[in-house]
Amino acid sequence: MPSYISQTRTQLYEFGHSHP
């Protein structure tokens, strides 16, 4: 998996879990 995909998924995951 390309690194930029992993970074985007991580950012989306963190953003999604930073809000109730």
PDB file of N, CA and C in Angstrom:
ATOM      1  N   MET A   1       0.850  -1.199   0.000  1.00  0.00           N
ATOM      2  CA  MET A   1       0.000   0.000   0.000  1.00  0.00           C
ATOM      3  C   MET A   1       0.888   1.252   0.000  1.00  0.00           C
ATOM      4  N   PRO A   2       0.637   2.159  -0.902  1.00  0.00           N
ATOM      5  CA  PRO A   2       1.439   3.393  -0.944  1.00  0.00           C
ATOM      6  C   PRO A   2       1.365   4.150   0.369  1.00  0.00           C
ATOM      7  N   SER A   3       2.445   4.817   0.713  1.00  0.00           N
ATOM      8  CA  SER A   3       2.518   5.497   2.008  1.00  0.00           C
ATOM      9  C   SER A   3       1.481   6.605   2.100  1.00  0.00           C
ATOM     10  N   TYR A   4       1.199   7.286   0.978  1.00  0.00           N
ATOM     11  CA  TYR A   4       0.250   8.392   1.046  1.00  0.00           C
ATOM     12  C   TYR A   4      -1.163   7.882   1.324  1.00  0.00           C
ATOM     13  N   ILE A   5      -1.448   6.675   0.887  1.00  0.00           N
ATOM     14  CA  ILE A   5      -2.745   6.079   1.199  1.00  0.00           C
ATOM     15  C   ILE A   5      -2.841   5.810   2.699  1.00  0.00           C
ATOM     16  N   SER A   6      -1.766   5.265   3.273  1.00  0.00           N
ATOM     17  CA  SER A   6      -1.753   4.976   4.703  1.00  0.00           C
ATOM     18  C   SER A   6      -1.904   6.264   5.505  1.00  0.00           C
ATOM     19  N   GLN A   7      -1.221   7.317   5.077  1.00  0.00           N
ATOM     20  CA  GLN A   7      -1.295   8.586   5.788  1.00  0.00           C
ATOM     21  C   GLN A   7      -2.711   9.143   5.725  1.00  0.00           C
ATOM     22  N   THR A   8      -3.340   9.067   4.562  1.00  0.00           N
ATOM     23  CA  THR A   8      -4.697   9.588   4.418  1.00  0.00           C
ATOM     24  C   THR A   8      -5.661   8.789   5.281  1.00  0.00           C
ATOM     25  N   ARG A   9      -5.538   7.465   5.256  1.00  0.00           N
ATOM     26  CA  ARG A   9      -6.424   6.617   6.053  1.00  0.00           C
ATOM     27  C   ARG A   9      -6.236   6.911   7.535  1.00  0.00           C
ATOM     28  N   THR A  10      -4.983   7.124   7.945  1.00  0.00           N
ATOM     29  CA  THR A  10      -4.711   7.424   9.354  1.00  0.00           C
ATOM     30  C   THR A  10      -5.346   8.752   9.734  1.00  0.00           C
ATOM     31  N   GLN A  11      -5.213   9.747   8.871  1.00  0.00           N
ATOM     32  CA  GLN A  11      -5.780  11.059   9.162  1.00  0.00           C
ATOM     33  C   GLN A  11      -7.301  10.970   9.237  1.00  0.00           C
ATOM     34  N   LEU A  12      -7.919  10.247   8.301  1.00  0.00           N
ATOM     35  CA  LEU A  12      -9.367  10.110   8.306  1.00  0.00           C
ATOM     36  C   LEU A  12      -9.823   9.345   9.547  1.00  0.00           C
ATOM     37  N   TYR A  13      -9.068   8.321   9.924  1.00  0.00           N
ATOM     38  CA  TYR A  13      -9.411   7.528  11.101  1.00  0.00           C
ATOM     39  C   TYR A  13      -9.350   8.396  12.349  1.00  0.00           C
ATOM     40  N   GLU A  14      -8.268   9.152  12.499  1.00  0.00           N
ATOM     41  CA  GLU A  14      -8.098  10.003  13.669  1.00  0.00           C
ATOM     42  C   GLU A  14      -9.174  11.089  13.687  1.00  0.00           C
ATOM     43  N   PHE A  15      -9.467  11.667  12.533  1.00  0.00           N
ATOM     44  CA  PHE A  15     -10.491  12.715  12.455  1.00  0.00           C
ATOM     45  C   PHE A  15     -11.851  12.133  12.826  1.00  0.00           C
ATOM     46  N   GLY A  16     -12.150  10.963  12.307  1.00  0.00           N
ATOM     47  CA  GLY A  16     -13.438  10.332  12.575  1.00  0.00           C
ATOM     48  C   GLY A  16     -13.607   9.985  14.043  1.00  0.00           C
ATOM     49  N   HIS A  17     -12.514   9.654  14.724  1.00  0.00           N
ATOM     50  CA  HIS A  17     -12.592   9.252  16.118  1.00  0.00           C
ATOM     51  C   HIS A  17     -12.352  10.426  17.073  1.00  0.00           C
ATOM     52  N   SER A  18     -12.052  11.594  16.514  1.00  0.00           N
ATOM     53  CA  SER A  18     -11.846  12.760  17.369  1.00  0.00           C
ATOM     54  C   SER A  18     -13.168  13.465  17.634  1.00  0.00           C
ATOM     55  N   HIS A  19     -14.243  13.005  16.970  1.00  0.00           N
ATOM     56  CA  HIS A  19     -15.565  13.604  17.143  1.00  0.00           C
ATOM     57  C   HIS A  19     -16.535  12.526  17.611  1.00  0.00           C
ATOM     58  N   PRO A  20     -17.470  12.875  18.438  1.00  0.00           N
ATOM     59  CA  PRO A  20     -18.443  11.897  18.952  1.00  0.00           C
ATOM     60  C   PRO A  20     -19.395  11.417  17.853  1.00  0.00           C
TER      61      PRO A  20
END
